[in-house]
Amino acid sequence: MAVVDDPPTEPAGTGRDRSASERRRGVVAAGHRGELGPVEAAHGDPDPSVRAARLGALERLGALSVAELVKAFADEDPGVRRRAAVLAVRGGGAGSRSTLPAQLIGLIADPDPLVAEAAAWALGERRTAASVPALSAMATDHPDPRCREAAVAALGAIGDVRGLAAVLAGLADRPPVRRRAVVALAGFDAPEVETALEGCLGDSDWQVRQAAEILLGR
């Protein structure tokens, strides 16, 4: 998934929009200048783009704590929650091996599919084995194909055998999910993998067939 460094500037409009845009730019600039004060001062800003920019600035300054991320995961705006999930990949410090993974697993159930997708991606990047059951359910049952695709990719990155069944099930999904699933099989070492790859050689999607050929060494 693409990672945007800072939230986009709002379209020109009302005075309030312009004011929020100015505040956002100020937070971003402070982060680049290494000035923590203006970034901290933006805590609780009424505009979600400013709150999201503040998270990025804190991360750039090395001041983004797990506690800050947890607060952002509960933000009313999905853009802020998604930004927090993306930044959680690099989250460290107190709670990064306990609280943070648990929070990301909970975020898989977010009602906004882009937030759930970002949470799945982050868990895969962090190789969070505890998330395998939740990711497996997401890969097979989530109504949004983007989320199923992200979950399959995360399971492949983690490579826990408990997630293999969900990845194999992804080979019967839509083409984008199938493409992700065949690549994800590279993360597993099990007899079923080669059999599944052989079956992919006859897939209707050429990218699935090509990926299977590469993994089989043909």
N, C-alpha and C. Protein backbone atom coordinates (compact mmCIF):
# COMPACT_ATOMS: atom_id res chain seq x y z
N MET A 1 0.83 -1.18 0.00
CA MET A 1 0.00 0.00 0.00
C MET A 1 0.87 1.24 0.00
N ALA A 2 0.40 2.31 -0.66
CA ALA A 2 1.17 3.54 -0.72
C ALA A 2 1.11 4.25 0.63
N VAL A 3 2.21 4.84 1.01
CA VAL A 3 2.29 5.59 2.26
C VAL A 3 2.52 7.04 1.92
N VAL A 4 1.60 7.90 2.35
CA VAL A 4 1.72 9.32 2.10
C VAL A 4 2.42 9.96 3.28
N ASP A 5 3.45 10.76 3.02
CA ASP A 5 4.23 11.33 4.11
C ASP A 5 3.43 12.30 4.95
N ASP A 6 2.62 13.14 4.31
CA ASP A 6 1.82 14.09 5.04
C ASP A 6 0.45 14.19 4.38
N PRO A 7 -0.60 14.48 5.17
CA PRO A 7 -1.94 14.60 4.58
C PRO A 7 -1.98 15.71 3.56
N PRO A 8 -2.81 15.57 2.53
CA PRO A 8 -2.90 16.60 1.50
C PRO A 8 -3.51 17.88 2.04
N THR A 9 -3.19 18.97 1.37
CA THR A 9 -3.77 20.26 1.73
C THR A 9 -5.24 20.28 1.33
N GLU A 10 -6.09 20.84 2.21
CA GLU A 10 -7.51 20.92 1.90
C GLU A 10 -7.74 21.86 0.73
N PRO A 11 -8.81 21.64 -0.04
CA PRO A 11 -9.12 22.56 -1.13
C PRO A 11 -9.43 23.95 -0.57
N ALA A 12 -9.16 24.95 -1.39
CA ALA A 12 -9.47 26.31 -0.96
C ALA A 12 -10.97 26.43 -0.77
N GLY A 13 -11.39 27.14 0.26
CA GLY A 13 -12.82 27.25 0.51
C GLY A 13 -13.09 28.30 1.54
N THR A 14 -13.67 27.90 2.64
CA THR A 14 -14.05 28.85 3.67
C THR A 14 -12.83 29.34 4.42
N GLY A 15 -13.02 30.39 5.24
CA GLY A 15 -11.93 30.90 6.07
C GLY A 15 -11.44 29.84 7.02
N ARG A 16 -12.37 29.01 7.51
CA ARG A 16 -11.98 27.95 8.43
C ARG A 16 -11.06 26.96 7.73
N ASP A 17 -11.36 26.61 6.46
CA ASP A 17 -10.52 25.70 5.70
C ASP A 17 -9.11 26.27 5.53
N ARG A 18 -9.04 27.55 5.19
CA ARG A 18 -7.73 28.18 5.00
C ARG A 18 -6.95 28.20 6.31
N SER A 19 -7.64 28.46 7.40
CA SER A 19 -6.98 28.49 8.70
C SER A 19 -6.44 27.11 9.06
N ALA A 20 -7.23 26.07 8.80
CA ALA A 20 -6.79 24.71 9.09
C ALA A 20 -5.59 24.34 8.23
N SER A 21 -5.63 24.77 6.96
CA SER A 21 -4.52 24.49 6.06
C SER A 21 -3.24 25.16 6.55
N GLU A 22 -3.37 26.37 7.02
CA GLU A 22 -2.21 27.09 7.54
C GLU A 22 -1.66 26.39 8.79
N ARG A 23 -2.55 25.95 9.66
CA ARG A 23 -2.11 25.26 10.87
C ARG A 23 -1.40 23.94 10.51
N ARG A 24 -1.97 23.26 9.53
CA ARG A 24 -1.37 22.00 9.11
C ARG A 24 0.04 22.22 8.57
N ARG A 25 0.18 23.22 7.70
CA ARG A 25 1.50 23.52 7.15
C ARG A 25 2.49 23.91 8.24
N GLY A 26 1.99 24.62 9.24
CA GLY A 26 2.85 25.00 10.34
C GLY A 26 3.36 23.80 11.13
N VAL A 27 2.48 22.84 11.35
CA VAL A 27 2.87 21.61 12.07
C VAL A 27 3.90 20.82 11.27
N VAL A 28 3.64 20.68 9.97
CA VAL A 28 4.57 19.95 9.11
C VAL A 28 5.94 20.64 9.09
N ALA A 29 5.92 21.96 8.95
CA ALA A 29 7.18 22.70 8.92
C ALA A 29 7.94 22.57 10.23
N ALA A 30 7.22 22.61 11.35
CA ALA A 30 7.86 22.47 12.66
C ALA A 30 8.52 21.11 12.79
N GLY A 31 7.87 20.10 12.26
CA GLY A 31 8.46 18.77 12.29
C GLY A 31 9.76 18.70 11.52
N HIS A 32 9.79 19.36 10.38
CA HIS A 32 11.01 19.38 9.56
C HIS A 32 12.12 20.22 10.20
N ARG A 33 11.71 21.24 10.93
CA ARG A 33 12.70 22.10 11.58
C ARG A 33 13.19 21.55 12.91
N GLY A 34 12.56 20.51 13.39
CA GLY A 34 12.95 19.94 14.66
C GLY A 34 12.41 20.68 15.86
N GLU A 35 11.28 21.37 15.68
CA GLU A 35 10.68 22.15 16.75
C GLU A 35 9.49 21.41 17.34
N LEU A 36 9.66 20.87 18.52
CA LEU A 36 8.61 20.06 19.14
C LEU A 36 7.46 20.91 19.67
N GLY A 37 7.74 22.11 20.15
CA GLY A 37 6.72 22.95 20.78
C GLY A 37 5.48 23.17 19.93
N PRO A 38 5.62 23.67 18.70
CA PRO A 38 4.44 23.90 17.86
C PRO A 38 3.69 22.60 17.54
N VAL A 39 4.42 21.52 17.47
CA VAL A 39 3.77 20.23 17.18
C VAL A 39 2.93 19.80 18.37
N GLU A 40 3.48 19.91 19.56
CA GLU A 40 2.73 19.56 20.76
C GLU A 40 1.52 20.46 20.93
N ALA A 41 1.67 21.73 20.56
CA ALA A 41 0.58 22.69 20.72
C ALA A 41 -0.62 22.36 19.84
N ALA A 42 -0.42 21.55 18.80
CA ALA A 42 -1.52 21.18 17.90
C ALA A 42 -2.34 20.01 18.43
N HIS A 43 -2.02 19.55 19.61
CA HIS A 43 -2.77 18.44 20.22
C HIS A 43 -4.25 18.81 20.33
N GLY A 44 -5.12 17.94 19.86
CA GLY A 44 -6.55 18.18 19.95
C GLY A 44 -7.08 19.21 18.98
N ASP A 45 -6.33 19.54 17.94
CA ASP A 45 -6.81 20.50 16.94
C ASP A 45 -8.15 20.03 16.38
N PRO A 46 -9.09 20.95 16.16
CA PRO A 46 -10.41 20.54 15.66
C PRO A 46 -10.42 19.99 14.24
N ASP A 47 -9.37 20.24 13.49
CA ASP A 47 -9.33 19.77 12.10
C ASP A 47 -8.55 18.45 12.01
N PRO A 48 -9.14 17.41 11.43
CA PRO A 48 -8.46 16.12 11.36
C PRO A 48 -7.17 16.12 10.56
N SER A 49 -7.07 16.98 9.54
CA SER A 49 -5.84 17.01 8.75
C SER A 49 -4.68 17.52 9.59
N VAL A 50 -4.96 18.41 10.52
CA VAL A 50 -3.92 18.92 11.42
C VAL A 50 -3.52 17.84 12.42
N ARG A 51 -4.50 17.12 12.93
CA ARG A 51 -4.20 16.04 13.88
C ARG A 51 -3.37 14.95 13.21
N ALA A 52 -3.69 14.64 11.95
CA ALA A 52 -2.92 13.63 11.22
C ALA A 52 -1.50 14.12 10.95
N ALA A 53 -1.38 15.39 10.57
CA ALA A 53 -0.06 15.97 10.31
C ALA A 53 0.78 15.97 11.58
N ARG A 54 0.14 16.21 12.71
CA ARG A 54 0.86 16.22 13.99
C ARG A 54 1.49 14.86 14.26
N LEU A 55 0.79 13.79 13.94
CA LEU A 55 1.35 12.45 14.15
C LEU A 55 2.61 12.26 13.32
N GLY A 56 2.55 12.69 12.06
CA GLY A 56 3.72 12.56 11.20
C GLY A 56 4.88 13.39 11.70
N ALA A 57 4.58 14.59 12.21
CA ALA A 57 5.64 15.46 12.73
C ALA A 57 6.27 14.86 13.98
N LEU A 58 5.44 14.30 14.85
CA LEU A 58 5.97 13.65 16.05
C LEU A 58 6.88 12.48 15.67
N GLU A 59 6.47 11.72 14.68
CA GLU A 59 7.29 10.57 14.25
C GLU A 59 8.62 11.07 13.69
N ARG A 60 8.59 12.14 12.93
CA ARG A 60 9.81 12.70 12.36
C ARG A 60 10.75 13.21 13.45
N LEU A 61 10.17 13.69 14.53
CA LEU A 61 10.96 14.22 15.64
C LEU A 61 11.39 13.13 16.63
N GLY A 62 10.98 11.89 16.38
CA GLY A 62 11.31 10.80 17.29
C GLY A 62 10.54 10.88 18.59
N ALA A 63 9.37 11.54 18.57
CA ALA A 63 8.59 11.74 19.79
C ALA A 63 7.21 11.09 19.73
N LEU A 64 7.01 10.20 18.77
CA LEU A 64 5.70 9.55 18.64
C LEU A 64 5.65 8.33 19.55
N SER A 65 4.97 8.44 20.66
CA SER A 65 4.89 7.36 21.64
C SER A 65 3.74 6.41 21.32
N VAL A 66 3.76 5.26 21.94
CA VAL A 66 2.66 4.31 21.80
C VAL A 66 1.37 4.93 22.33
N ALA A 67 1.49 5.69 23.41
CA ALA A 67 0.31 6.34 23.98
C ALA A 67 -0.34 7.29 22.97
N GLU A 68 0.48 8.02 22.22
CA GLU A 68 -0.05 8.93 21.19
C GLU A 68 -0.76 8.13 20.09
N LEU A 69 -0.17 7.03 19.71
CA LEU A 69 -0.78 6.21 18.67
C LEU A 69 -2.11 5.63 19.14
N VAL A 70 -2.15 5.17 20.37
CA VAL A 70 -3.38 4.60 20.91
C VAL A 70 -4.51 5.64 20.90
N LYS A 71 -4.19 6.87 21.28
CA LYS A 71 -5.18 7.94 21.24
C LYS A 71 -5.67 8.16 19.81
N ALA A 72 -4.74 8.14 18.88
CA ALA A 72 -5.10 8.38 17.48
C ALA A 72 -5.93 7.24 16.91
N PHE A 73 -5.71 6.01 17.37
CA PHE A 73 -6.51 4.88 16.92
C PHE A 73 -7.99 5.07 17.26
N ALA A 74 -8.25 5.87 18.29
CA ALA A 74 -9.63 6.10 18.74
C ALA A 74 -10.19 7.42 18.20
N ASP A 75 -9.45 8.09 17.33
CA ASP A 75 -9.90 9.37 16.79
C ASP A 75 -11.20 9.18 16.00
N GLU A 76 -12.05 10.19 16.03
CA GLU A 76 -13.33 10.09 15.32
C GLU A 76 -13.17 10.11 13.81
N ASP A 77 -12.04 10.60 13.33
CA ASP A 77 -11.82 10.72 11.89
C ASP A 77 -11.03 9.52 11.36
N PRO A 78 -11.53 8.83 10.33
CA PRO A 78 -10.82 7.67 9.81
C PRO A 78 -9.45 7.99 9.21
N GLY A 79 -9.28 9.21 8.69
CA GLY A 79 -7.99 9.59 8.14
C GLY A 79 -6.91 9.63 9.20
N VAL A 80 -7.28 10.09 10.38
CA VAL A 80 -6.32 10.13 11.49
C VAL A 80 -6.00 8.71 11.95
N ARG A 81 -7.03 7.86 12.04
CA ARG A 81 -6.81 6.47 12.46
C ARG A 81 -5.91 5.75 11.45
N ARG A 82 -6.15 5.99 10.18
CA ARG A 82 -5.34 5.33 9.15
C ARG A 82 -3.89 5.81 9.22
N ARG A 83 -3.71 7.11 9.41
CA ARG A 83 -2.36 7.66 9.52
C ARG A 83 -1.61 7.04 10.69
N ALA A 84 -2.33 6.87 11.81
CA ALA A 84 -1.72 6.26 12.99
C ALA A 84 -1.33 4.82 12.72
N ALA A 85 -2.18 4.08 12.01
CA ALA A 85 -1.87 2.68 11.70
C ALA A 85 -0.62 2.58 10.83
N VAL A 86 -0.50 3.45 9.86
CA VAL A 86 0.68 3.44 8.98
C VAL A 86 1.95 3.75 9.78
N LEU A 87 1.87 4.75 10.64
CA LEU A 87 3.04 5.13 11.44
C LEU A 87 3.38 4.10 12.51
N ALA A 88 2.40 3.28 12.87
CA ALA A 88 2.64 2.28 13.91
C ALA A 88 3.67 1.24 13.49
N VAL A 89 3.92 1.13 12.20
CA VAL A 89 4.92 0.18 11.71
C VAL A 89 6.27 0.45 12.36
N ARG A 90 6.58 1.73 12.54
CA ARG A 90 7.87 2.10 13.10
C ARG A 90 7.80 2.44 14.59
N GLY A 91 6.65 2.17 15.21
CA GLY A 91 6.47 2.51 16.61
C GLY A 91 7.37 1.69 17.53
N GLY A 92 7.98 2.35 18.47
CA GLY A 92 8.86 1.68 19.43
C GLY A 92 8.65 2.24 20.82
N GLY A 93 9.47 1.81 21.74
CA GLY A 93 9.36 2.31 23.10
C GLY A 93 8.41 1.49 23.95
N ALA A 94 8.04 2.06 25.09
CA ALA A 94 7.18 1.36 26.04
C ALA A 94 5.84 0.98 25.41
N GLY A 95 5.49 -0.28 25.50
CA GLY A 95 4.22 -0.76 24.97
C GLY A 95 4.25 -1.19 23.52
N SER A 96 5.40 -1.06 22.86
CA SER A 96 5.46 -1.37 21.43
C SER A 96 5.38 -2.86 21.15
N ARG A 97 5.64 -3.70 22.15
CA ARG A 97 5.58 -5.14 21.95
C ARG A 97 4.36 -5.77 22.61
N SER A 98 3.56 -4.96 23.26
CA SER A 98 2.38 -5.50 23.93
C SER A 98 1.14 -4.69 23.56
N THR A 99 1.09 -3.45 24.03
CA THR A 99 -0.08 -2.61 23.77
C THR A 99 -0.29 -2.33 22.30
N LEU A 100 0.77 -1.97 21.59
CA LEU A 100 0.64 -1.57 20.18
C LEU A 100 0.13 -2.70 19.29
N PRO A 101 0.71 -3.93 19.37
CA PRO A 101 0.16 -5.01 18.55
C PRO A 101 -1.30 -5.31 18.87
N ALA A 102 -1.65 -5.29 20.15
CA ALA A 102 -3.03 -5.57 20.52
C ALA A 102 -3.98 -4.52 19.96
N GLN A 103 -3.56 -3.26 19.98
CA GLN A 103 -4.37 -2.19 19.44
C GLN A 103 -4.54 -2.32 17.93
N LEU A 104 -3.47 -2.67 17.25
CA LEU A 104 -3.55 -2.85 15.79
C LEU A 104 -4.47 -4.01 15.43
N ILE A 105 -4.41 -5.08 16.20
CA ILE A 105 -5.30 -6.21 15.95
C ILE A 105 -6.76 -5.77 16.11
N GLY A 106 -7.02 -4.97 17.12
CA GLY A 106 -8.37 -4.45 17.30
C GLY A 106 -8.80 -3.56 16.16
N LEU A 107 -7.85 -2.85 15.57
CA LEU A 107 -8.16 -1.92 14.49
C LEU A 107 -8.55 -2.64 13.19
N ILE A 108 -8.27 -3.93 13.13
CA ILE A 108 -8.71 -4.71 11.96
C ILE A 108 -10.23 -4.65 11.81
N ALA A 109 -10.92 -4.49 12.92
CA ALA A 109 -12.38 -4.45 12.90
C ALA A 109 -12.93 -3.04 12.68
N ASP A 110 -12.06 -2.09 12.35
CA ASP A 110 -12.52 -0.71 12.14
C ASP A 110 -13.58 -0.68 11.04
N PRO A 111 -14.64 0.12 11.22
CA PRO A 111 -15.69 0.19 10.20
C PRO A 111 -15.25 0.79 8.87
N ASP A 112 -14.15 1.55 8.89
CA ASP A 112 -13.64 2.12 7.65
C ASP A 112 -12.66 1.13 7.02
N PRO A 113 -12.91 0.66 5.81
CA PRO A 113 -12.04 -0.35 5.21
C PRO A 113 -10.61 0.10 4.99
N LEU A 114 -10.39 1.40 4.75
CA LEU A 114 -9.02 1.86 4.55
C LEU A 114 -8.23 1.83 5.85
N VAL A 115 -8.90 2.04 6.97
CA VAL A 115 -8.25 1.93 8.26
C VAL A 115 -7.92 0.47 8.55
N ALA A 116 -8.88 -0.41 8.30
CA ALA A 116 -8.66 -1.84 8.52
C ALA A 116 -7.53 -2.35 7.63
N GLU A 117 -7.49 -1.89 6.38
CA GLU A 117 -6.44 -2.28 5.45
C GLU A 117 -5.07 -1.85 5.96
N ALA A 118 -4.99 -0.61 6.46
CA ALA A 118 -3.72 -0.09 6.98
C ALA A 118 -3.27 -0.87 8.21
N ALA A 119 -4.22 -1.25 9.05
CA ALA A 119 -3.88 -2.02 10.24
C ALA A 119 -3.32 -3.39 9.86
N ALA A 120 -3.93 -4.03 8.87
CA ALA A 120 -3.44 -5.33 8.41
C ALA A 120 -2.03 -5.19 7.84
N TRP A 121 -1.82 -4.17 7.04
CA TRP A 121 -0.49 -3.93 6.47
C TRP A 121 0.55 -3.74 7.57
N ALA A 122 0.20 -2.94 8.58
CA ALA A 122 1.13 -2.67 9.67
C ALA A 122 1.47 -3.95 10.43
N LEU A 123 0.49 -4.79 10.66
CA LEU A 123 0.73 -6.04 11.38
C LEU A 123 1.65 -6.96 10.58
N GLY A 124 1.48 -6.96 9.26
CA GLY A 124 2.37 -7.76 8.43
C GLY A 124 3.78 -7.23 8.45
N GLU A 125 3.91 -5.91 8.38
CA GLU A 125 5.24 -5.31 8.41
C GLU A 125 5.94 -5.55 9.75
N ARG A 126 5.16 -5.60 10.81
CA ARG A 126 5.72 -5.84 12.13
C ARG A 126 5.89 -7.33 12.43
N ARG A 127 5.44 -8.19 11.51
CA ARG A 127 5.53 -9.65 11.67
C ARG A 127 4.90 -10.09 13.00
N THR A 128 3.70 -9.61 13.25
CA THR A 128 3.01 -9.87 14.51
C THR A 128 2.28 -11.21 14.46
N ALA A 129 2.89 -12.24 15.00
CA ALA A 129 2.32 -13.57 14.94
C ALA A 129 0.98 -13.66 15.67
N ALA A 130 0.80 -12.88 16.71
CA ALA A 130 -0.45 -12.92 17.46
C ALA A 130 -1.64 -12.47 16.63
N SER A 131 -1.38 -11.81 15.52
CA SER A 131 -2.48 -11.32 14.69
C SER A 131 -2.97 -12.33 13.67
N VAL A 132 -2.33 -13.49 13.58
CA VAL A 132 -2.68 -14.46 12.54
C VAL A 132 -4.15 -14.87 12.58
N PRO A 133 -4.74 -15.20 13.72
CA PRO A 133 -6.16 -15.57 13.71
C PRO A 133 -7.06 -14.45 13.17
N ALA A 134 -6.82 -13.23 13.61
CA ALA A 134 -7.64 -12.10 13.15
C ALA A 134 -7.42 -11.83 11.67
N LEU A 135 -6.18 -11.90 11.23
CA LEU A 135 -5.89 -11.68 9.81
C LEU A 135 -6.49 -12.78 8.95
N SER A 136 -6.48 -14.01 9.45
CA SER A 136 -7.07 -15.12 8.70
C SER A 136 -8.56 -14.91 8.50
N ALA A 137 -9.23 -14.45 9.55
CA ALA A 137 -10.66 -14.17 9.44
C ALA A 137 -10.90 -13.02 8.47
N MET A 138 -10.06 -12.02 8.52
CA MET A 138 -10.19 -10.89 7.61
C MET A 138 -9.98 -11.33 6.16
N ALA A 139 -9.00 -12.18 5.94
CA ALA A 139 -8.66 -12.63 4.59
C ALA A 139 -9.79 -13.42 3.95
N THR A 140 -10.57 -14.09 4.75
CA THR A 140 -11.63 -14.95 4.20
C THR A 140 -13.02 -14.35 4.29
N ASP A 141 -13.25 -13.45 5.25
CA ASP A 141 -14.62 -13.00 5.51
C ASP A 141 -14.88 -11.52 5.28
N HIS A 142 -13.84 -10.69 5.16
CA HIS A 142 -14.09 -9.25 5.07
C HIS A 142 -14.80 -8.93 3.76
N PRO A 143 -15.83 -8.09 3.80
CA PRO A 143 -16.57 -7.78 2.57
C PRO A 143 -15.81 -6.93 1.56
N ASP A 144 -14.77 -6.25 2.01
CA ASP A 144 -14.01 -5.38 1.10
C ASP A 144 -12.79 -6.14 0.56
N PRO A 145 -12.67 -6.29 -0.76
CA PRO A 145 -11.54 -7.04 -1.32
C PRO A 145 -10.18 -6.43 -1.02
N ARG A 146 -10.13 -5.13 -0.81
CA ARG A 146 -8.86 -4.50 -0.47
C ARG A 146 -8.37 -4.99 0.89
N CYS A 147 -9.29 -5.20 1.78
CA CYS A 147 -8.94 -5.70 3.12
C CYS A 147 -8.53 -7.16 3.06
N ARG A 148 -9.23 -7.94 2.25
CA ARG A 148 -8.84 -9.35 2.10
C ARG A 148 -7.45 -9.46 1.49
N GLU A 149 -7.18 -8.61 0.52
CA GLU A 149 -5.86 -8.61 -0.12
C GLU A 149 -4.77 -8.23 0.87
N ALA A 150 -5.03 -7.19 1.67
CA ALA A 150 -4.04 -6.75 2.66
C ALA A 150 -3.79 -7.83 3.71
N ALA A 151 -4.85 -8.51 4.10
CA ALA A 151 -4.70 -9.56 5.11
C ALA A 151 -3.90 -10.74 4.58
N VAL A 152 -4.17 -11.11 3.33
CA VAL A 152 -3.41 -12.20 2.70
C VAL A 152 -1.93 -11.84 2.62
N ALA A 153 -1.64 -10.61 2.22
CA ALA A 153 -0.25 -10.17 2.13
C ALA A 153 0.42 -10.21 3.49
N ALA A 154 -0.29 -9.78 4.52
CA ALA A 154 0.26 -9.77 5.87
C ALA A 154 0.54 -11.18 6.36
N LEU A 155 -0.36 -12.10 6.06
CA LEU A 155 -0.15 -13.49 6.46
C LEU A 155 1.09 -14.08 5.77
N GLY A 156 1.28 -13.72 4.52
CA GLY A 156 2.48 -14.19 3.82
C GLY A 156 3.74 -13.61 4.42
N ALA A 157 3.69 -12.35 4.84
CA ALA A 157 4.86 -11.71 5.44
C ALA A 157 5.19 -12.34 6.79
N ILE A 158 4.17 -12.70 7.54
CA ILE A 158 4.38 -13.31 8.85
C ILE A 158 4.84 -14.76 8.71
N GLY A 159 4.24 -15.49 7.75
CA GLY A 159 4.69 -16.85 7.47
C GLY A 159 4.35 -17.89 8.52
N ASP A 160 3.37 -17.61 9.34
CA ASP A 160 2.93 -18.57 10.36
C ASP A 160 2.00 -19.58 9.71
N VAL A 161 2.26 -20.87 9.92
CA VAL A 161 1.49 -21.92 9.25
C VAL A 161 0.00 -21.83 9.56
N ARG A 162 -0.36 -21.20 10.67
CA ARG A 162 -1.78 -21.06 11.01
C ARG A 162 -2.52 -20.20 9.98
N GLY A 163 -1.80 -19.39 9.25
CA GLY A 163 -2.43 -18.53 8.25
C GLY A 163 -2.46 -19.12 6.86
N LEU A 164 -1.86 -20.29 6.68
CA LEU A 164 -1.76 -20.87 5.34
C LEU A 164 -3.12 -21.17 4.73
N ALA A 165 -4.05 -21.68 5.50
CA ALA A 165 -5.37 -22.02 4.96
C ALA A 165 -6.07 -20.79 4.39
N ALA A 166 -5.93 -19.67 5.07
CA ALA A 166 -6.58 -18.45 4.59
C ALA A 166 -5.92 -17.96 3.30
N VAL A 167 -4.62 -18.11 3.20
CA VAL A 167 -3.92 -17.71 1.97
C VAL A 167 -4.34 -18.62 0.81
N LEU A 168 -4.42 -19.91 1.08
CA LEU A 168 -4.87 -20.83 0.04
C LEU A 168 -6.29 -20.51 -0.41
N ALA A 169 -7.14 -20.12 0.53
CA ALA A 169 -8.52 -19.75 0.18
C ALA A 169 -8.52 -18.52 -0.71
N GLY A 170 -7.52 -17.65 -0.54
CA GLY A 170 -7.43 -16.45 -1.36
C GLY A 170 -7.20 -16.75 -2.83
N LEU A 171 -6.73 -17.94 -3.14
CA LEU A 171 -6.49 -18.33 -4.54
C LEU A 171 -7.79 -18.51 -5.31
N ALA A 172 -8.92 -18.50 -4.60
CA ALA A 172 -10.22 -18.61 -5.26
C ALA A 172 -10.98 -17.29 -5.24
N ASP A 173 -10.32 -16.23 -4.83
CA ASP A 173 -10.94 -14.92 -4.70
C ASP A 173 -10.82 -14.13 -6.01
N ARG A 174 -11.07 -12.85 -5.95
CA ARG A 174 -10.93 -11.98 -7.11
C ARG A 174 -9.46 -11.93 -7.57
N PRO A 175 -9.22 -11.55 -8.83
CA PRO A 175 -7.84 -11.53 -9.34
C PRO A 175 -6.82 -10.80 -8.46
N PRO A 176 -7.11 -9.58 -7.96
CA PRO A 176 -6.09 -8.91 -7.13
C PRO A 176 -5.74 -9.70 -5.87
N VAL A 177 -6.74 -10.34 -5.29
CA VAL A 177 -6.49 -11.15 -4.09
C VAL A 177 -5.72 -12.41 -4.46
N ARG A 178 -6.06 -13.01 -5.60
CA ARG A 178 -5.34 -14.21 -6.04
C ARG A 178 -3.88 -13.90 -6.31
N ARG A 179 -3.62 -12.75 -6.94
CA ARG A 179 -2.23 -12.36 -7.20
C ARG A 179 -1.46 -12.22 -5.91
N ARG A 180 -2.09 -11.59 -4.92
CA ARG A 180 -1.43 -11.40 -3.64
C ARG A 180 -1.24 -12.74 -2.94
N ALA A 181 -2.21 -13.62 -3.07
CA ALA A 181 -2.14 -14.92 -2.40
C ALA A 181 -1.02 -15.79 -2.96
N VAL A 182 -0.87 -15.80 -4.28
CA VAL A 182 0.17 -16.66 -4.85
C VAL A 182 1.55 -16.17 -4.43
N VAL A 183 1.73 -14.87 -4.34
CA VAL A 183 3.00 -14.33 -3.86
C VAL A 183 3.19 -14.64 -2.38
N ALA A 184 2.12 -14.57 -1.62
CA ALA A 184 2.19 -14.83 -0.18
C ALA A 184 2.60 -16.26 0.12
N LEU A 185 2.33 -17.17 -0.80
CA LEU A 185 2.70 -18.58 -0.59
C LEU A 185 4.21 -18.75 -0.44
N ALA A 186 4.97 -17.80 -0.94
CA ALA A 186 6.43 -17.88 -0.80
C ALA A 186 6.86 -17.81 0.65
N GLY A 187 5.98 -17.33 1.52
CA GLY A 187 6.32 -17.21 2.93
C GLY A 187 6.11 -18.48 3.73
N PHE A 188 5.64 -19.54 3.06
CA PHE A 188 5.33 -20.78 3.78
C PHE A 188 6.14 -21.95 3.23
N ASP A 189 6.45 -22.87 4.12
CA ASP A 189 7.17 -24.09 3.74
C ASP A 189 6.30 -25.26 4.15
N ALA A 190 5.45 -25.71 3.23
CA ALA A 190 4.51 -26.80 3.51
C ALA A 190 4.21 -27.54 2.22
N PRO A 191 3.89 -28.83 2.30
CA PRO A 191 3.62 -29.62 1.09
C PRO A 191 2.50 -29.04 0.23
N GLU A 192 1.51 -28.42 0.88
CA GLU A 192 0.36 -27.89 0.13
C GLU A 192 0.74 -26.74 -0.80
N VAL A 193 1.86 -26.10 -0.51
CA VAL A 193 2.23 -24.91 -1.27
C VAL A 193 2.54 -25.25 -2.72
N GLU A 194 3.37 -26.25 -2.95
CA GLU A 194 3.72 -26.60 -4.33
C GLU A 194 2.49 -27.07 -5.10
N THR A 195 1.64 -27.83 -4.45
CA THR A 195 0.41 -28.29 -5.11
C THR A 195 -0.45 -27.10 -5.52
N ALA A 196 -0.57 -26.14 -4.61
CA ALA A 196 -1.38 -24.95 -4.92
C ALA A 196 -0.76 -24.16 -6.07
N LEU A 197 0.55 -24.04 -6.07
CA LEU A 197 1.22 -23.30 -7.14
C LEU A 197 1.03 -23.99 -8.49
N GLU A 198 1.07 -25.29 -8.46
CA GLU A 198 0.82 -26.04 -9.71
C GLU A 198 -0.57 -25.72 -10.24
N GLY A 199 -1.54 -25.63 -9.32
CA GLY A 199 -2.90 -25.30 -9.74
C GLY A 199 -3.00 -23.90 -10.30
N CYS A 200 -2.17 -23.00 -9.81
CA CYS A 200 -2.19 -21.61 -10.28
C CYS A 200 -1.68 -21.45 -11.71
N LEU A 201 -0.99 -22.46 -12.22
CA LEU A 201 -0.48 -22.38 -13.59
C LEU A 201 -1.60 -22.32 -14.61
N GLY A 202 -2.78 -22.74 -14.20
CA GLY A 202 -3.93 -22.70 -15.10
C GLY A 202 -4.90 -21.58 -14.78
N ASP A 203 -4.49 -20.63 -13.94
CA ASP A 203 -5.37 -19.52 -13.56
C ASP A 203 -5.70 -18.65 -14.77
N SER A 204 -6.88 -18.07 -14.77
CA SER A 204 -7.30 -17.22 -15.89
C SER A 204 -6.54 -15.89 -15.93
N ASP A 205 -5.91 -15.51 -14.82
CA ASP A 205 -5.18 -14.25 -14.75
C ASP A 205 -3.70 -14.50 -15.05
N TRP A 206 -3.16 -13.79 -16.02
CA TRP A 206 -1.77 -14.05 -16.43
C TRP A 206 -0.77 -13.71 -15.34
N GLN A 207 -1.07 -12.73 -14.51
CA GLN A 207 -0.14 -12.36 -13.44
C GLN A 207 -0.07 -13.46 -12.37
N VAL A 208 -1.19 -14.10 -12.12
CA VAL A 208 -1.19 -15.23 -11.18
C VAL A 208 -0.34 -16.36 -11.75
N ARG A 209 -0.55 -16.65 -13.04
CA ARG A 209 0.22 -17.72 -13.68
C ARG A 209 1.71 -17.41 -13.67
N GLN A 210 2.05 -16.17 -13.98
CA GLN A 210 3.45 -15.77 -14.02
C GLN A 210 4.11 -15.88 -12.65
N ALA A 211 3.42 -15.43 -11.61
CA ALA A 211 3.97 -15.52 -10.25
C ALA A 211 4.18 -16.97 -9.85
N ALA A 212 3.24 -17.83 -10.22
CA ALA A 212 3.38 -19.25 -9.88
C ALA A 212 4.57 -19.86 -10.62
N GLU A 213 4.74 -19.49 -11.86
CA GLU A 213 5.88 -20.01 -12.63
C GLU A 213 7.20 -19.59 -11.99
N ILE A 214 7.28 -18.35 -11.56
CA ILE A 214 8.51 -17.87 -10.94
C ILE A 214 8.80 -18.62 -9.65
N LEU A 215 7.78 -18.80 -8.83
CA LEU A 215 7.97 -19.49 -7.55
C LEU A 215 8.31 -20.96 -7.74
N LEU A 216 7.81 -21.54 -8.84
CA LEU A 216 8.11 -22.94 -9.13
C LEU A 216 9.44 -23.10 -9.88
N GLY A 217 10.03 -21.96 -10.25
CA GLY A 217 11.32 -22.02 -10.95
C GLY A 217 11.20 -22.45 -12.39
N ARG A 218 10.15 -22.04 -13.04
CA ARG A 218 9.94 -22.46 -14.44
C ARG A 218 10.08 -21.30 -15.41
